Amino acid sequence: MENNYTVLARKYRSQDFKSLIGQDVLVKTLTTAINTSRIAHAYIFTGIRGTGKTSTARILAKALNCQSSDKATPSPCGTCENCRAIAAGQHIDVMEIDAASHTGVDNMRDILDAAQYRPTNGRYKVYIIDEVHMLSTSAFNALLKTLEEPPAHVIFILATTEIRKVPVTILSRCQRFDLVRVPVETLKKHFAWIAEQEKITLSDEANELLARAADGSVRDGLSLLDQAIAQTGGNVDAAAVLDMLKRADRGVVVDMMKTLLSGDTAATLDKVDAIYNNGADLSMLLTDMMEWTHWATRMHPALHAGDVTNSPYTADQREQIQDINTRVSLNTLSRIWQVMVAAVPEMQAAGNQKQCFDMLIIRMMHIADMPSVPEIIKQQESENRVRDVKNILADRMARPSTDSAPIQKPQTRTITNANELACALQETKEILLYSYYSNNIEIAEFAVGKIKYFDRKGDADFAHKLASWLMDKTGMAWTLEKSQESTHEHTISEQKQEELEADPLVASAMSLFENAEIVGVK
């Protein structure tokens, strides 16, 4: 028997720019372009499935070829011969090409050869290439020249869901339009209008569930509505849609998250068992839990992240979430989100989703109890302070009293020349100061308490560092006078090297090797 039923997605397909929902910017731009006769030779429409890319292409083709006007019009009549033929996909001058099945360069050559001939019935020849990203590299290359400078009577309209796969050389020759996801409120109004046209009952809760499940796609939403009508016989309510989508009610999700964040593992697992036994899809439940965590984070008083009245929860449910937020930190919500995101591929790969989901619940409950990084740092600092106090007290207990032993003054040392200073720096393990002093400082005068020197590299901090060290080790203040000109004196390292080269044993050893040299003295 012939099946005359037309699915809602085809029956209510947009036939003109006014009926194209959710794409206001696109409609305004194309309408203005047609009114001002600024019609481009190539367009590319991109966006997720079901947002109206092919429908827009057909509407544009009708606008260019409608016979109700003597030129292109943004309001095609829909009743003339051209409009009806284009809507039915039977117009000889409007060719819809599926790039998925015409990927080769030969297919593209046939199209380009035919493009040279003038249109038969319309003003323009319109080539609509759907899923254009499926074309081969050779086919794209064959299209390039004609796409840049096509005959005046040819318009190319490309459509794709994966714009990144289209070569930039193609994109640069087209006017690009990004079709956005259709907002939930717009979808709800559209579905309510269709329900009225179809004379079916669609509850507000069911409409909300369908619009959100559509995820911005008009076609997906209408397919779900079609399925819900077939399942219920025309009386679509929230329970039927939840059963069809295998989703848990948002009230159930809010209640489960409240139990989870209370720390009662057994009660949370019992709720998961009940939801699972009622036929809910655990992958969808995880998606709903992620949605809850996202909105709970935005509603958290520590964040104040904008308006949340457009959240998918009722006023009562929002109050419950805000009550939960008074006992849960933003850090806990963030950690739970990270665990759930990581669990998405695990759920997809798991042989037994129920076991994987149970382990996910246990993991979330344990990670929620972990202290935050600031808390860990604060706790560590507190422990360090306690340990320091204990060490000080222990040291005081072990140290003899002032009555029984005299106070010992720190030992001081006497430094009378530059070499003694170098040795003292080396003995006290002042490696950086010793290295700089030995390699870069020329000593012009050296007396106890006063040094006159020339710094080959000009380190501004050297004098301050050395004076502080001398004060600490000798118990007296030293005057360090920096000379502006070199005295041509040897540094400590150069003196050592001279002494080493004068050693007969070293000279004998170096004579054994041709071009030998001393590169360092340690």
Protein backbone atom coordinates (compact mmCIF):
# COMPACT_ATOMS: atom_id res chain seq x y z
CA MET A 1 0.00 0.00 0.00
CA GLU A 2 1.16 3.50 -0.77
CA ASN A 3 2.23 5.43 2.30
CA ASN A 4 1.09 9.05 1.96
CA TYR A 5 2.27 10.17 5.42
CA THR A 6 4.88 12.94 5.38
CA VAL A 7 7.05 13.27 8.46
CA LEU A 8 6.89 16.58 10.31
CA ALA A 9 10.47 17.53 9.41
CA ARG A 10 9.56 17.47 5.71
CA LYS A 11 5.97 18.69 6.03
CA TYR A 12 6.94 21.84 7.93
CA ARG A 13 10.18 22.56 6.12
CA SER A 14 10.77 26.29 5.68
CA GLN A 15 9.61 27.48 2.25
CA ASP A 16 10.56 31.17 2.50
CA PHE A 17 12.78 33.43 4.56
CA LYS A 18 9.94 34.39 6.92
CA SER A 19 9.42 30.78 7.99
CA LEU A 20 13.15 30.13 8.52
CA ILE A 21 13.39 30.08 12.32
CA GLY A 22 16.35 30.98 14.52
CA GLN A 23 18.56 32.46 11.76
CA ASP A 24 17.71 36.16 11.93
CA VAL A 25 21.15 37.45 10.91
CA LEU A 26 21.29 35.17 7.88
CA VAL A 27 17.77 36.15 6.78
CA LYS A 28 18.48 39.87 7.18
CA THR A 29 21.74 39.69 5.23
CA LEU A 30 20.35 37.68 2.31
CA THR A 31 17.15 39.75 2.14
CA THR A 32 19.12 42.99 1.99
CA ALA A 33 21.52 41.57 -0.60
CA ILE A 34 18.62 40.55 -2.87
CA ASN A 35 16.82 43.90 -2.44
CA THR A 36 19.97 45.82 -3.36
CA SER A 37 20.92 43.40 -6.19
CA ARG A 38 24.21 42.54 -4.48
CA ILE A 39 23.96 38.83 -5.14
CA ALA A 40 27.22 36.93 -4.74
CA HIS A 41 28.28 34.23 -7.16
CA ALA A 42 29.03 31.68 -4.39
CA TYR A 43 27.73 31.07 -0.88
CA ILE A 44 28.70 28.53 1.74
CA PHE A 45 26.37 27.62 4.62
CA THR A 46 27.78 25.83 7.65
CA GLY A 47 26.33 24.67 10.94
CA ILE A 48 25.19 21.58 12.82
CA ARG A 49 22.64 19.21 11.29
CA GLY A 50 19.05 20.36 11.11
CA THR A 51 19.55 24.13 11.34
CA GLY A 52 18.35 24.89 7.80
CA LYS A 53 21.36 24.86 5.46
CA THR A 54 19.69 22.99 2.57
CA SER A 55 16.36 24.71 3.21
CA THR A 56 18.07 28.12 3.00
CA ALA A 57 19.75 27.08 -0.25
CA ARG A 58 16.37 26.11 -1.78
CA ILE A 59 14.74 29.32 -0.55
CA LEU A 60 17.57 31.35 -2.09
CA ALA A 61 17.18 29.44 -5.36
CA LYS A 62 13.45 30.25 -5.36
CA ALA A 63 14.16 33.91 -4.56
CA LEU A 64 16.50 34.12 -7.55
CA ASN A 65 14.13 32.42 -10.01
CA CYS A 66 10.61 33.31 -8.79
CA GLN A 67 8.37 34.37 -11.68
CA SER A 68 6.19 36.68 -9.57
CA SER A 69 8.73 39.46 -10.11
CA ASP A 70 10.80 40.63 -13.05
CA LYS A 71 13.96 40.29 -10.93
CA ALA A 72 15.15 38.38 -7.88
CA THR A 73 12.86 38.86 -4.89
CA PRO A 74 13.37 38.12 -1.16
CA SER A 75 9.73 36.99 -0.96
CA PRO A 76 9.21 34.14 -3.47
CA CYS A 77 5.55 33.42 -4.12
CA GLY A 78 5.79 29.66 -3.76
CA THR A 79 3.01 29.13 -6.31
CA CYS A 80 4.63 29.86 -9.67
CA GLU A 81 5.99 27.07 -11.83
CA ASN A 82 9.61 27.71 -10.83
CA CYS A 83 8.89 27.88 -7.10
CA ARG A 84 6.89 24.65 -7.14
CA ALA A 85 9.51 22.83 -9.21
CA ILE A 86 12.35 23.96 -6.92
CA ALA A 87 10.39 22.92 -3.80
CA ALA A 88 9.80 19.50 -5.34
CA GLY A 89 13.45 19.18 -6.40
CA GLN A 90 12.49 18.94 -10.09
CA HIS A 91 13.66 22.27 -11.55
CA ILE A 92 15.95 21.79 -14.52
CA ASP A 93 18.11 24.82 -13.65
CA VAL A 94 18.44 24.12 -9.91
CA MET A 95 20.60 21.06 -9.33
CA GLU A 96 21.08 19.57 -5.87
CA ILE A 97 24.23 17.48 -5.76
CA ASP A 98 25.11 15.15 -2.92
CA ALA A 99 28.88 15.46 -2.57
CA ALA A 100 29.03 12.22 -0.59
CA SER A 101 28.04 10.24 -3.71
CA HIS A 102 29.68 12.55 -6.28
CA THR A 103 33.14 12.88 -4.80
CA GLY A 104 35.28 12.39 -7.92
CA VAL A 105 36.83 14.87 -10.29
CA ASP A 106 34.86 13.41 -13.23
CA ASN A 107 31.57 14.26 -11.51
CA MET A 108 32.77 17.80 -10.96
CA ARG A 109 33.87 18.17 -14.61
CA ASP A 110 30.39 17.15 -15.79
CA ILE A 111 28.85 19.80 -13.56
CA LEU A 112 31.23 22.51 -14.72
CA ASP A 113 30.73 21.64 -18.40
CA ALA A 114 26.96 21.97 -18.01
CA ALA A 115 27.37 25.28 -16.15
CA GLN A 116 28.56 27.00 -19.33
CA TYR A 117 25.08 26.78 -20.89
CA ARG A 118 22.45 29.39 -20.05
CA PRO A 119 19.44 28.46 -17.86
CA THR A 120 16.39 27.00 -19.57
CA ASN A 121 13.48 28.26 -17.44
CA GLY A 122 14.95 30.46 -14.73
CA ARG A 123 17.14 33.54 -14.44
CA TYR A 124 20.01 31.65 -12.85
CA LYS A 125 21.47 28.18 -12.85
CA VAL A 126 21.86 27.28 -9.18
CA TYR A 127 24.14 24.45 -8.06
CA ILE A 128 23.48 23.31 -4.49
CA ILE A 129 26.33 21.04 -3.34
CA ASP A 130 25.40 19.40 -0.03
CA GLU A 131 28.07 18.09 2.38
CA VAL A 132 30.70 19.71 0.18
CA HIS A 133 33.51 18.66 2.55
CA MET A 134 33.12 15.11 1.14
CA LEU A 135 34.57 16.12 -2.24
CA SER A 136 37.99 14.75 -3.10
CA THR A 137 41.04 17.01 -3.38
CA SER A 138 40.98 16.69 -7.17
CA ALA A 139 37.29 17.65 -7.29
CA PHE A 140 37.97 20.73 -5.15
CA ASN A 141 40.82 21.74 -7.45
CA ALA A 142 38.61 21.33 -10.51
CA LEU A 143 35.98 23.57 -8.89
CA LEU A 144 38.36 26.39 -7.96
CA LYS A 145 38.58 28.42 -11.18
CA THR A 146 34.90 28.23 -12.06
CA LEU A 147 33.95 29.01 -8.44
CA GLU A 148 36.04 32.18 -8.54
CA GLU A 149 34.81 33.46 -11.92
CA PRO A 150 31.64 31.60 -12.88
CA PRO A 151 29.39 32.62 -15.78
CA ALA A 152 27.06 35.48 -14.86
CA HIS A 153 24.03 33.16 -14.86
CA VAL A 154 25.52 30.62 -12.38
CA ILE A 155 25.21 30.69 -8.58
CA PHE A 156 26.98 28.11 -6.39
CA ILE A 157 25.55 27.31 -2.95
CA LEU A 158 27.68 24.98 -0.80
CA ALA A 159 26.53 23.40 2.45
CA THR A 160 28.58 21.54 5.05
CA THR A 161 28.54 20.43 8.67
CA GLU A 162 32.35 20.25 8.82
CA ILE A 163 33.68 23.58 7.63
CA ARG A 164 37.25 22.77 8.74
CA LYS A 165 37.50 20.08 6.08
CA VAL A 166 36.79 22.56 3.29
CA PRO A 167 40.01 23.95 1.75
CA VAL A 168 40.70 27.60 2.50
CA THR A 169 41.00 28.23 -1.25
CA ILE A 170 37.30 27.32 -1.56
CA LEU A 171 36.28 29.37 1.49
CA SER A 172 38.04 32.47 0.18
CA ARG A 173 35.87 32.40 -2.97
CA CYS A 174 32.53 32.20 -1.11
CA GLN A 175 30.42 34.32 1.18
CA ARG A 176 30.27 32.31 4.40
CA PHE A 177 27.23 32.10 6.68
CA ASP A 178 27.31 30.23 9.99
CA LEU A 179 23.88 28.92 10.93
CA VAL A 180 23.56 28.99 14.71
CA ARG A 181 21.89 26.49 17.00
CA VAL A 182 18.22 27.38 17.36
CA PRO A 183 17.47 28.57 20.93
CA VAL A 184 15.29 26.41 23.17
CA GLU A 185 12.57 29.05 23.49
CA THR A 186 12.36 29.42 19.70
CA LEU A 187 12.08 25.65 19.29
CA LYS A 188 9.35 25.47 21.95
CA LYS A 189 7.26 28.09 20.13
CA HIS A 190 7.76 26.26 16.84
CA PHE A 191 6.79 22.87 18.30
CA ALA A 192 3.75 24.36 20.01
CA TRP A 193 2.62 25.87 16.70
CA ILE A 194 3.09 22.54 14.90
CA ALA A 195 1.15 20.73 17.64
CA GLU A 196 -1.66 23.18 17.11
CA GLN A 197 -1.59 22.60 13.35
CA GLU A 198 -1.56 18.83 13.83
CA LYS A 199 -4.34 19.07 16.47
CA ILE A 200 -2.40 17.17 19.13
CA THR A 201 -1.88 17.86 22.82
CA LEU A 202 1.68 18.79 23.83
CA SER A 203 2.30 19.65 27.48
CA ASP A 204 4.71 22.43 28.42
CA GLU A 205 6.97 19.99 30.27
CA ALA A 206 7.10 17.63 27.28
CA ASN A 207 7.75 20.57 24.93
CA GLU A 208 10.64 21.70 27.16
CA LEU A 209 12.15 18.20 27.17
CA LEU A 210 11.88 17.87 23.38
CA ALA A 211 13.35 21.33 22.73
CA ARG A 212 16.35 20.67 24.97
CA ALA A 213 16.88 17.16 23.58
CA ALA A 214 16.96 18.65 20.06
CA ASP A 215 20.20 20.44 21.01
CA GLY A 216 19.58 23.36 18.66
CA SER A 217 18.52 21.24 15.65
CA VAL A 218 15.03 21.84 14.26
CA ARG A 219 15.02 18.58 12.32
CA ASP A 220 16.12 16.52 15.34
CA GLY A 221 13.41 18.12 17.46
CA LEU A 222 10.69 17.47 14.88
CA SER A 223 11.81 13.85 14.50
CA LEU A 224 11.53 13.42 18.28
CA LEU A 225 8.10 15.09 18.27
CA ASP A 226 7.00 12.79 15.45
CA GLN A 227 8.13 9.77 17.46
CA ALA A 228 6.40 11.01 20.61
CA ILE A 229 3.11 11.51 18.72
CA ALA A 230 3.35 8.00 17.28
CA GLN A 231 4.03 6.59 20.75
CA THR A 232 1.21 8.39 22.56
CA GLY A 233 -1.38 8.69 19.81
CA GLY A 234 -1.47 12.49 20.00
CA ASN A 235 -1.41 13.19 23.76
CA VAL A 236 2.28 13.96 24.43
CA ASP A 237 3.15 14.46 28.10
CA ALA A 238 6.41 14.63 30.04
CA ALA A 239 6.25 11.02 31.24
CA ALA A 240 5.97 9.72 27.68
CA VAL A 241 8.86 11.88 26.48
CA LEU A 242 11.04 10.84 29.42
CA ASP A 243 10.27 7.21 28.69
CA MET A 244 11.04 7.71 25.01
CA LEU A 245 14.32 9.50 25.73
CA LYS A 246 15.17 7.10 28.57
CA ARG A 247 15.96 10.08 30.76
CA ALA A 248 15.34 10.62 34.44
CA ASP A 249 13.14 13.52 35.48
CA ARG A 250 15.14 16.59 36.49
CA GLY A 251 13.51 16.49 39.90
CA VAL A 252 14.91 12.98 40.35
CA VAL A 253 18.36 14.19 39.26
CA VAL A 254 18.25 17.11 41.72
CA ASP A 255 17.24 14.74 44.52
CA MET A 256 20.00 12.27 43.62
CA MET A 257 22.70 14.98 43.53
CA LYS A 258 21.48 16.21 46.91
CA THR A 259 21.92 12.71 48.34
CA LEU A 260 25.31 12.29 46.64
CA LEU A 261 26.66 15.54 48.09
CA SER A 262 25.37 14.62 51.54
CA GLY A 263 27.93 11.79 51.65
CA ASP A 264 25.47 8.88 51.97
CA THR A 265 26.97 6.32 49.59
CA ALA A 266 24.40 3.57 50.21
CA ALA A 267 21.41 5.89 49.67
CA THR A 268 22.93 7.30 46.46
CA LEU A 269 23.56 3.83 45.02
CA ASP A 270 19.98 2.83 45.94
CA LYS A 271 18.68 5.81 43.96
CA VAL A 272 20.86 4.83 40.98
CA ASP A 273 19.46 1.29 41.15
CA ALA A 274 15.89 2.62 41.18
CA ILE A 275 16.50 4.91 38.19
CA TYR A 276 18.23 2.11 36.28
CA ASN A 277 15.41 -0.37 37.01
CA ASN A 278 12.89 2.15 35.67
CA GLY A 279 14.65 1.90 32.29
CA ALA A 280 16.70 5.11 32.27
CA ASP A 281 19.75 5.27 30.04
CA LEU A 282 22.77 5.72 32.32
CA SER A 283 24.65 7.68 29.66
CA MET A 284 21.75 10.15 29.54
CA LEU A 285 21.70 10.20 33.36
CA LEU A 286 25.39 11.14 33.35
CA THR A 287 24.59 13.93 30.87
CA ASP A 288 21.80 15.17 33.17
CA MET A 289 24.17 15.10 36.16
CA MET A 290 26.73 17.12 34.22
CA GLU A 291 23.97 19.59 33.31
CA TRP A 292 23.04 19.86 37.02
CA THR A 293 26.67 20.43 38.04
CA HIS A 294 27.08 23.12 35.38
CA TRP A 295 24.03 25.06 36.53
CA ALA A 296 24.78 24.51 40.23
CA THR A 297 28.23 26.00 39.63
CA ARG A 298 26.73 29.01 37.85
CA MET A 299 24.23 29.47 40.69
CA HIS A 300 26.88 29.21 43.42
CA PRO A 301 26.99 32.36 45.58
CA ALA A 302 30.81 32.45 45.32
CA LEU A 303 30.61 32.88 41.54
CA HIS A 304 27.57 35.03 40.63
CA ALA A 305 27.86 33.89 36.98
CA GLY A 306 25.10 35.87 35.32
CA ASP A 307 21.39 35.23 34.94
CA VAL A 308 20.28 31.64 35.63
CA THR A 309 16.56 32.04 35.06
CA ASN A 310 16.97 30.38 31.67
CA SER A 311 18.16 27.17 33.34
CA PRO A 312 16.06 24.04 32.64
CA TYR A 313 14.91 23.82 36.27
CA THR A 314 11.69 24.99 37.88
CA ALA A 315 11.71 27.71 40.53
CA ASP A 316 11.36 25.08 43.26
CA GLN A 317 14.26 23.05 41.85
CA ARG A 318 16.42 26.17 41.66
CA GLU A 319 15.71 26.84 45.33
CA GLN A 320 16.82 23.29 46.16
CA ILE A 321 20.06 23.79 44.19
CA GLN A 322 20.74 27.08 45.98
CA ASP A 323 20.15 25.35 49.33
CA ILE A 324 22.65 22.63 48.36
CA ASN A 325 25.15 25.33 47.36
CA THR A 326 25.16 26.73 50.91
CA ARG A 327 26.80 23.47 52.06
CA VAL A 328 28.95 22.67 49.01
CA SER A 329 32.08 24.57 47.95
CA LEU A 330 32.79 25.71 44.41
CA ASN A 331 35.93 23.59 44.53
CA THR A 332 33.88 20.44 45.20
CA LEU A 333 31.58 21.12 42.24
CA SER A 334 34.60 21.68 40.00
CA ARG A 335 36.20 18.37 41.03
CA ILE A 336 32.95 16.47 40.49
CA TRP A 337 32.65 18.00 37.02
CA GLN A 338 36.17 16.86 36.13
CA VAL A 339 35.41 13.31 37.27
CA MET A 340 32.20 13.18 35.21
CA VAL A 341 33.88 14.54 32.07
CA ALA A 342 36.59 11.88 32.40
CA ALA A 343 33.89 9.21 32.84
CA VAL A 344 32.15 9.93 29.49
CA PRO A 345 34.59 7.86 27.36
CA GLU A 346 34.70 5.23 30.13
CA MET A 347 30.93 4.82 29.91
CA GLN A 348 31.11 4.50 26.14
CA ALA A 349 33.83 1.85 26.32
CA ALA A 350 32.49 -0.09 29.32
CA GLY A 351 31.09 -3.55 28.72
CA ASN A 352 28.72 -3.13 31.67
CA GLN A 353 27.53 0.46 32.02
CA LYS A 354 25.84 -0.15 35.38
CA GLN A 355 29.06 -1.32 37.01
CA CYS A 356 30.97 1.61 35.50
CA PHE A 357 28.32 4.07 36.74
CA ASP A 358 28.35 2.63 40.28
CA MET A 359 32.12 3.05 40.43
CA LEU A 360 31.74 6.60 39.13
CA ILE A 361 29.34 7.45 41.96
CA ILE A 362 31.75 6.06 44.57
CA ARG A 363 34.66 7.95 43.00
CA MET A 364 32.72 11.24 43.02
CA MET A 365 31.69 10.85 46.65
CA HIS A 366 35.25 10.24 47.78
CA ILE A 367 36.77 13.06 45.75
CA ALA A 368 34.12 15.46 47.04
CA ASP A 369 35.44 14.91 50.59
CA MET A 370 39.03 15.76 49.63
CA PRO A 371 40.32 19.11 50.91
CA SER A 372 41.00 21.81 48.35
CA VAL A 373 44.52 22.89 47.43
CA PRO A 374 44.35 26.07 49.59
CA GLU A 375 43.13 23.96 52.52
CA ILE A 376 46.00 21.48 52.03
CA ILE A 377 48.53 24.35 51.94
CA LYS A 378 47.03 25.95 55.03
CA GLN A 379 47.07 22.62 56.87
CA GLN A 380 50.72 22.03 55.85
CA GLU A 381 51.71 25.51 57.03
CA SER A 382 49.96 24.89 60.35
CA GLU A 383 51.80 21.58 60.77
CA ASN A 384 55.10 23.28 59.94
CA ARG A 385 54.50 25.98 62.56
CA VAL A 386 53.68 23.37 65.20
CA ARG A 387 56.82 21.42 64.31
CA ASP A 388 58.96 24.56 64.50
CA VAL A 389 57.57 25.41 67.95
CA LYS A 390 58.29 21.86 69.14
CA ASN A 391 61.86 22.04 67.81
CA ILE A 392 62.45 25.40 69.53
CA LEU A 393 61.14 24.08 72.84
CA ALA A 394 63.23 20.92 72.53
CA ASP A 395 66.32 22.99 71.76
CA ARG A 396 65.73 25.19 74.78
CA MET A 397 65.25 22.17 77.02
CA ALA A 398 68.51 20.65 75.78
CA ARG A 399 70.51 23.93 76.02
CA PRO A 400 72.22 24.60 79.41
CA SER A 401 70.82 27.43 81.53
CA THR A 402 72.47 30.88 81.61
CA ASP A 403 73.31 30.41 85.29
CA SER A 404 75.42 27.30 84.77
CA ALA A 405 77.31 28.28 81.59
CA PRO A 406 78.63 31.60 80.32
CA ILE A 407 77.36 33.02 77.07
CA GLN A 408 79.83 32.24 74.31
CA LYS A 409 80.52 34.97 71.82
CA PRO A 410 80.70 33.96 68.18
CA GLN A 411 84.24 33.35 67.01
CA THR A 412 85.77 35.93 64.67
CA ARG A 413 88.63 35.53 62.26
CA THR A 414 91.36 37.82 61.08
CA ILE A 415 91.90 38.41 57.37
CA THR A 416 95.05 40.31 56.44
CA ASN A 417 95.48 39.81 52.68
CA ALA A 418 93.69 38.93 49.46
CA ASN A 419 94.69 35.26 49.51
CA GLU A 420 93.42 34.80 53.07
CA LEU A 421 90.12 36.33 51.99
CA ALA A 422 89.86 33.81 49.11
CA CYS A 423 90.62 30.89 51.44
CA ALA A 424 88.08 32.11 54.00
CA LEU A 425 85.36 32.38 51.34
CA GLN A 426 86.14 28.87 50.14
CA GLU A 427 86.15 27.41 53.68
CA THR A 428 82.77 28.92 54.53
CA LYS A 429 81.32 27.49 51.26
CA GLU A 430 80.46 30.91 49.82
CA ILE A 431 80.93 29.38 46.38
CA LEU A 432 79.32 32.10 44.24
CA LEU A 433 81.05 34.93 46.09
CA TYR A 434 84.39 33.07 46.03
CA SER A 435 84.11 32.34 42.30
CA TYR A 436 83.32 35.95 41.41
CA TYR A 437 86.06 37.32 43.71
CA SER A 438 88.70 34.92 42.37
CA ASN A 439 87.96 35.42 38.68
CA ASN A 440 86.93 39.08 38.33
CA ILE A 441 88.44 41.20 41.15
CA GLU A 442 91.82 42.94 40.88
CA ILE A 443 93.06 43.92 44.37
CA ALA A 444 94.86 47.28 44.29
CA GLU A 445 95.23 47.73 48.08
CA PHE A 446 94.39 45.39 50.95
CA ALA A 447 94.51 46.32 54.64
CA VAL A 448 92.56 45.08 57.62
CA GLY A 449 89.21 46.88 57.40
CA LYS A 450 89.79 48.36 53.95
CA ILE A 451 89.98 47.00 50.40
CA LYS A 452 90.54 48.95 47.19
CA TYR A 453 89.68 46.95 44.07
CA PHE A 454 88.71 46.98 40.40
CA ASP A 455 85.73 44.85 39.23
CA ARG A 456 86.19 43.58 35.68
CA LYS A 457 82.48 42.77 35.23
CA GLY A 458 80.98 45.53 37.33
CA ASP A 459 78.57 43.61 39.59
CA ALA A 460 76.71 46.28 41.58
CA ASP A 461 75.89 43.86 44.42
CA PHE A 462 79.42 42.48 44.92
CA ALA A 463 80.60 45.15 47.38
CA HIS A 464 77.45 44.87 49.48
CA LYS A 465 77.62 41.08 49.64
CA LEU A 466 81.33 40.97 50.51
CA ALA A 467 81.02 43.72 53.12
CA SER A 468 78.13 41.86 54.81
CA TRP A 469 80.12 38.64 54.82
CA LEU A 470 83.26 40.35 56.23
CA MET A 471 81.20 42.03 58.95
CA ASP A 472 79.71 38.68 59.92
CA LYS A 473 83.01 36.76 59.94
CA THR A 474 85.49 39.36 61.30
CA GLY A 475 83.16 41.26 63.61
CA MET A 476 84.15 44.63 62.18
CA ALA A 477 83.00 46.96 59.44
CA TRP A 478 85.04 47.03 56.25
CA THR A 479 85.37 49.80 53.71
CA LEU A 480 85.29 48.61 50.11
CA GLU A 481 86.49 51.24 47.64
CA LYS A 482 85.86 50.50 43.98
CA SER A 483 88.38 51.82 41.48
CA GLN A 484 87.10 53.09 38.14
CA GLU A 485 90.20 51.99 36.18
CA SER A 486 91.99 48.68 36.09
CA THR A 487 95.22 48.37 38.05
CA HIS A 488 96.31 45.53 35.79
CA GLU A 489 96.79 43.35 38.83
CA HIS A 490 96.24 39.62 38.55
CA THR A 491 93.11 38.05 40.03
CA ILE A 492 93.42 35.21 42.54
CA SER A 493 92.76 32.65 39.77
CA GLU A 494 95.40 34.20 37.51
CA GLN A 495 97.94 34.17 40.35
CA LYS A 496 97.27 30.49 40.96
CA GLN A 497 97.66 29.71 37.28
CA GLU A 498 101.00 31.54 37.14
CA GLU A 499 102.23 29.63 40.16
CA LEU A 500 101.10 26.38 38.58
CA GLU A 501 102.80 27.11 35.25
CA ALA A 502 106.04 27.90 37.10
CA ASP A 503 105.98 24.50 38.80
CA PRO A 504 108.68 22.30 37.12
CA LEU A 505 106.53 19.19 37.40
CA VAL A 506 103.58 20.84 35.61
CA ALA A 507 105.87 22.29 32.95
CA SER A 508 107.31 18.82 32.34
CA ALA A 509 103.82 17.33 32.01
CA MET A 510 102.68 19.97 29.53
CA SER A 511 105.72 19.43 27.37
CA LEU A 512 104.51 15.89 26.72
CA PHE A 513 101.42 17.17 24.84
CA GLU A 514 101.52 19.45 21.82
CA ASN A 515 99.53 22.72 22.20
CA ALA A 516 98.55 21.80 25.77
CA GLU A 517 97.19 24.60 27.98
CA ILE A 518 95.83 25.05 31.47
CA VAL A 519 92.13 25.88 31.26
CA GLY A 520 91.30 26.00 34.94
CA VAL A 521 92.71 25.83 38.44
CA LYS A 522 90.68 24.13 41.17
